[in-house]
Amino acid sequence: MALTFDPKEPNVSSTIFRTVQDLTGGRYYFESTYAPNVVWIDITKLDFSKSQPERELKVEKEIFKLNGDVTEKLEKAQPFVFGRNKP
């Protein structure tokens, strides 16, 4: 199933993910409306120091395979550039 949007109506979209943050336990939980699996990232295992690269989870490629703790599946990523901050 392809995830698409109408560029003429960028403000109209459906809910794809439901998320919960456990600030005490250090976990970020999410699930897709397309797959029944509950997935989480253990934030306590991440290194947020400036020397570390940004990381991302390729959810769109593995949405039906993801399940449980996916912290180790985070991959190096280019910094996210949003809106007017584009070079």
N, C-alpha and C. Protein backbone atom coordinates (compact mmCIF):
# COMPACT_ATOMS: atom_id res chain seq x y z
N MET A 1 0.84 -1.17 0.00
CA MET A 1 0.00 0.00 0.00
C MET A 1 0.89 1.24 0.00
N ALA A 2 0.75 2.09 -0.99
CA ALA A 2 1.55 3.30 -1.08
C ALA A 2 0.93 4.41 -0.23
N LEU A 3 1.80 5.16 0.42
CA LEU A 3 1.35 6.30 1.20
C LEU A 3 1.45 7.53 0.32
N THR A 4 0.33 8.17 0.04
CA THR A 4 0.33 9.31 -0.86
C THR A 4 -0.40 10.49 -0.23
N PHE A 5 -0.18 11.67 -0.79
CA PHE A 5 -0.89 12.85 -0.36
C PHE A 5 -1.16 13.72 -1.57
N ASP A 6 -2.08 14.64 -1.44
CA ASP A 6 -2.43 15.55 -2.52
C ASP A 6 -1.68 16.86 -2.31
N PRO A 7 -0.72 17.22 -3.17
CA PRO A 7 0.05 18.45 -2.98
C PRO A 7 -0.81 19.71 -3.03
N LYS A 8 -2.00 19.61 -3.61
CA LYS A 8 -2.90 20.77 -3.64
C LYS A 8 -3.58 20.99 -2.29
N GLU A 9 -3.60 19.94 -1.46
CA GLU A 9 -4.22 20.03 -0.14
C GLU A 9 -3.27 19.42 0.91
N PRO A 10 -2.14 20.10 1.18
CA PRO A 10 -1.17 19.53 2.12
C PRO A 10 -1.66 19.46 3.56
N ASN A 11 -2.71 20.20 3.87
CA ASN A 11 -3.25 20.21 5.23
C ASN A 11 -4.24 19.08 5.48
N VAL A 12 -4.59 18.31 4.45
CA VAL A 12 -5.55 17.22 4.59
C VAL A 12 -4.77 15.90 4.54
N SER A 13 -4.81 15.17 5.61
CA SER A 13 -4.12 13.88 5.63
C SER A 13 -4.78 12.97 6.65
N SER A 14 -4.52 11.70 6.50
CA SER A 14 -5.07 10.74 7.45
C SER A 14 -4.02 10.40 8.50
N THR A 15 -4.46 9.87 9.62
CA THR A 15 -3.54 9.44 10.67
C THR A 15 -2.88 8.14 10.23
N ILE A 16 -1.56 8.13 10.22
CA ILE A 16 -0.83 6.93 9.83
C ILE A 16 -0.21 6.26 11.05
N PHE A 17 0.28 7.08 12.00
CA PHE A 17 0.93 6.53 13.19
C PHE A 17 0.28 7.05 14.46
N ARG A 18 0.23 6.18 15.45
CA ARG A 18 -0.16 6.56 16.81
C ARG A 18 1.10 6.43 17.65
N THR A 19 1.36 7.42 18.50
CA THR A 19 2.60 7.41 19.28
C THR A 19 2.32 7.66 20.76
N VAL A 20 3.22 7.14 21.59
CA VAL A 20 3.19 7.36 23.03
C VAL A 20 4.64 7.52 23.48
N GLN A 21 4.90 8.52 24.30
CA GLN A 21 6.23 8.69 24.88
C GLN A 21 6.18 8.38 26.36
N ASP A 22 7.07 7.50 26.79
CA ASP A 22 7.23 7.17 28.20
C ASP A 22 8.46 7.92 28.69
N LEU A 23 8.26 9.10 29.26
CA LEU A 23 9.39 9.93 29.67
C LEU A 23 10.12 9.35 30.88
N THR A 24 9.42 8.64 31.73
CA THR A 24 10.05 8.02 32.90
C THR A 24 10.88 6.81 32.49
N GLY A 25 10.35 5.95 31.67
CA GLY A 25 11.04 4.74 31.24
C GLY A 25 11.99 4.94 30.07
N GLY A 26 11.88 6.08 29.38
CA GLY A 26 12.78 6.36 28.27
C GLY A 26 12.48 5.59 27.01
N ARG A 27 11.20 5.42 26.70
CA ARG A 27 10.84 4.72 25.47
C ARG A 27 9.85 5.55 24.65
N TYR A 28 9.99 5.41 23.35
CA TYR A 28 9.09 6.06 22.40
C TYR A 28 8.39 4.94 21.65
N TYR A 29 7.10 4.78 21.87
CA TYR A 29 6.30 3.71 21.26
C TYR A 29 5.53 4.26 20.07
N PHE A 30 5.36 3.43 19.05
CA PHE A 30 4.49 3.81 17.94
C PHE A 30 3.94 2.58 17.25
N GLU A 31 2.83 2.79 16.58
CA GLU A 31 2.24 1.73 15.76
C GLU A 31 1.62 2.38 14.54
N SER A 32 1.59 1.63 13.47
CA SER A 32 1.02 2.11 12.22
C SER A 32 -0.44 1.68 12.13
N THR A 33 -1.22 2.49 11.47
CA THR A 33 -2.61 2.09 11.22
C THR A 33 -2.67 1.01 10.13
N TYR A 34 -1.54 0.75 9.47
CA TYR A 34 -1.47 -0.27 8.42
C TYR A 34 -1.00 -1.62 8.94
N ALA A 35 -0.34 -1.63 10.10
CA ALA A 35 0.21 -2.88 10.65
C ALA A 35 -0.10 -2.94 12.14
N PRO A 36 -0.40 -4.11 12.67
CA PRO A 36 -0.83 -4.23 14.07
C PRO A 36 0.31 -4.27 15.09
N ASN A 37 1.55 -4.18 14.67
CA ASN A 37 2.69 -4.34 15.57
C ASN A 37 2.98 -3.08 16.39
N VAL A 38 3.26 -3.26 17.68
CA VAL A 38 3.71 -2.16 18.52
C VAL A 38 5.23 -2.16 18.48
N VAL A 39 5.80 -1.01 18.20
CA VAL A 39 7.23 -0.85 18.02
C VAL A 39 7.72 0.21 18.98
N TRP A 40 8.98 0.08 19.45
CA TRP A 40 9.50 1.13 20.31
C TRP A 40 10.99 1.32 20.11
N ILE A 41 11.43 2.53 20.48
CA ILE A 41 12.84 2.89 20.52
C ILE A 41 13.17 3.17 21.96
N ASP A 42 14.23 2.54 22.46
CA ASP A 42 14.69 2.75 23.83
C ASP A 42 15.64 3.94 23.84
N ILE A 43 15.13 5.08 24.23
CA ILE A 43 15.89 6.32 24.19
C ILE A 43 17.09 6.28 25.14
N THR A 44 17.02 5.47 26.19
CA THR A 44 18.13 5.38 27.14
C THR A 44 19.37 4.72 26.51
N LYS A 45 19.20 4.04 25.38
CA LYS A 45 20.32 3.38 24.70
C LYS A 45 20.98 4.28 23.65
N LEU A 46 20.42 5.48 23.44
CA LEU A 46 20.94 6.38 22.40
C LEU A 46 21.95 7.36 22.96
N ASP A 47 22.93 7.71 22.14
CA ASP A 47 23.95 8.69 22.50
C ASP A 47 23.62 10.00 21.77
N PHE A 48 23.23 11.03 22.52
CA PHE A 48 22.83 12.30 21.93
C PHE A 48 23.96 13.33 21.91
N SER A 49 25.20 12.89 22.10
CA SER A 49 26.31 13.84 22.09
C SER A 49 26.51 14.40 20.68
N LYS A 50 27.10 15.60 20.61
CA LYS A 50 27.28 16.28 19.33
C LYS A 50 28.14 15.50 18.35
N SER A 51 28.99 14.64 18.84
CA SER A 51 29.89 13.89 17.95
C SER A 51 29.17 12.74 17.23
N GLN A 52 27.96 12.42 17.65
CA GLN A 52 27.22 11.31 17.05
C GLN A 52 26.39 11.79 15.85
N PRO A 53 26.28 10.95 14.81
CA PRO A 53 25.46 11.33 13.65
C PRO A 53 23.97 11.24 13.96
N GLU A 54 23.20 11.93 13.14
CA GLU A 54 21.75 11.77 13.26
C GLU A 54 21.40 10.38 12.79
N ARG A 55 20.28 9.85 13.30
CA ARG A 55 19.86 8.50 12.94
C ARG A 55 18.38 8.51 12.57
N GLU A 56 17.99 7.51 11.78
CA GLU A 56 16.60 7.39 11.38
C GLU A 56 16.22 5.92 11.28
N LEU A 57 14.94 5.68 11.33
CA LEU A 57 14.39 4.33 11.15
C LEU A 57 13.61 4.34 9.85
N LYS A 58 13.97 3.47 8.94
CA LYS A 58 13.32 3.40 7.63
C LYS A 58 11.97 2.68 7.75
N VAL A 59 11.03 3.35 8.35
CA VAL A 59 9.72 2.76 8.62
C VAL A 59 8.98 2.40 7.34
N GLU A 60 9.03 3.29 6.36
CA GLU A 60 8.25 3.06 5.15
C GLU A 60 8.68 1.80 4.40
N LYS A 61 9.92 1.36 4.58
CA LYS A 61 10.42 0.18 3.87
C LYS A 61 10.14 -1.11 4.63
N GLU A 62 9.93 -1.02 5.94
CA GLU A 62 9.81 -2.24 6.75
C GLU A 62 8.58 -2.26 7.66
N ILE A 63 7.58 -1.47 7.37
CA ILE A 63 6.46 -1.29 8.30
C ILE A 63 5.83 -2.62 8.73
N PHE A 64 5.78 -3.60 7.86
CA PHE A 64 5.14 -4.86 8.22
C PHE A 64 6.10 -5.84 8.90
N LYS A 65 7.39 -5.53 8.90
CA LYS A 65 8.40 -6.38 9.53
C LYS A 65 8.79 -5.91 10.93
N LEU A 66 8.52 -4.65 11.24
CA LEU A 66 8.94 -4.08 12.51
C LEU A 66 8.08 -4.59 13.65
N ASN A 67 8.74 -4.94 14.77
CA ASN A 67 8.01 -5.41 15.94
C ASN A 67 8.92 -5.30 17.15
N GLY A 68 8.40 -4.79 18.26
CA GLY A 68 9.18 -4.71 19.48
C GLY A 68 10.23 -3.62 19.46
N ASP A 69 11.35 -3.87 20.15
CA ASP A 69 12.43 -2.90 20.27
C ASP A 69 13.22 -2.81 18.96
N VAL A 70 13.20 -1.65 18.32
CA VAL A 70 13.89 -1.46 17.05
C VAL A 70 15.06 -0.48 17.17
N THR A 71 15.52 -0.25 18.38
CA THR A 71 16.60 0.71 18.61
C THR A 71 17.82 0.38 17.76
N GLU A 72 18.17 -0.88 17.66
CA GLU A 72 19.36 -1.30 16.92
C GLU A 72 19.20 -1.14 15.40
N LYS A 73 17.97 -0.90 14.93
CA LYS A 73 17.73 -0.74 13.49
C LYS A 73 17.90 0.70 13.02
N LEU A 74 18.18 1.61 13.94
CA LEU A 74 18.40 3.00 13.54
C LEU A 74 19.66 3.09 12.70
N GLU A 75 19.58 3.83 11.59
CA GLU A 75 20.70 3.97 10.67
C GLU A 75 21.16 5.42 10.60
N LYS A 76 22.42 5.64 10.22
CA LYS A 76 22.92 7.00 10.04
C LYS A 76 22.08 7.70 9.00
N ALA A 77 21.86 9.00 9.21
CA ALA A 77 21.01 9.77 8.30
C ALA A 77 21.59 11.17 8.09
N GLN A 78 21.20 11.77 6.99
CA GLN A 78 21.54 13.16 6.74
C GLN A 78 20.66 14.04 7.64
N PRO A 79 21.17 15.18 8.09
CA PRO A 79 20.34 16.08 8.91
C PRO A 79 19.06 16.47 8.16
N PHE A 80 17.97 16.53 8.90
CA PHE A 80 16.68 16.89 8.32
C PHE A 80 16.63 18.39 8.08
N VAL A 81 16.29 18.80 6.87
CA VAL A 81 16.18 20.21 6.52
C VAL A 81 14.71 20.49 6.26
N PHE A 82 14.19 21.49 6.95
CA PHE A 82 12.76 21.77 6.87
C PHE A 82 12.51 23.18 6.36
N GLY A 83 11.56 23.30 5.45
CA GLY A 83 11.08 24.60 5.01
C GLY A 83 12.14 25.56 4.53
N ARG A 84 12.19 26.72 5.15
CA ARG A 84 13.08 27.80 4.71
C ARG A 84 14.53 27.58 5.09
N ASN A 85 14.82 26.56 5.84
CA ASN A 85 16.20 26.27 6.23
C ASN A 85 16.96 25.51 5.15
N LYS A 86 16.31 25.25 4.04
CA LYS A 86 16.98 24.51 2.97
C LYS A 86 18.14 25.34 2.41
N PRO A 87 19.23 24.65 2.09
CA PRO A 87 20.41 25.37 1.56
C PRO A 87 20.16 25.95 0.19
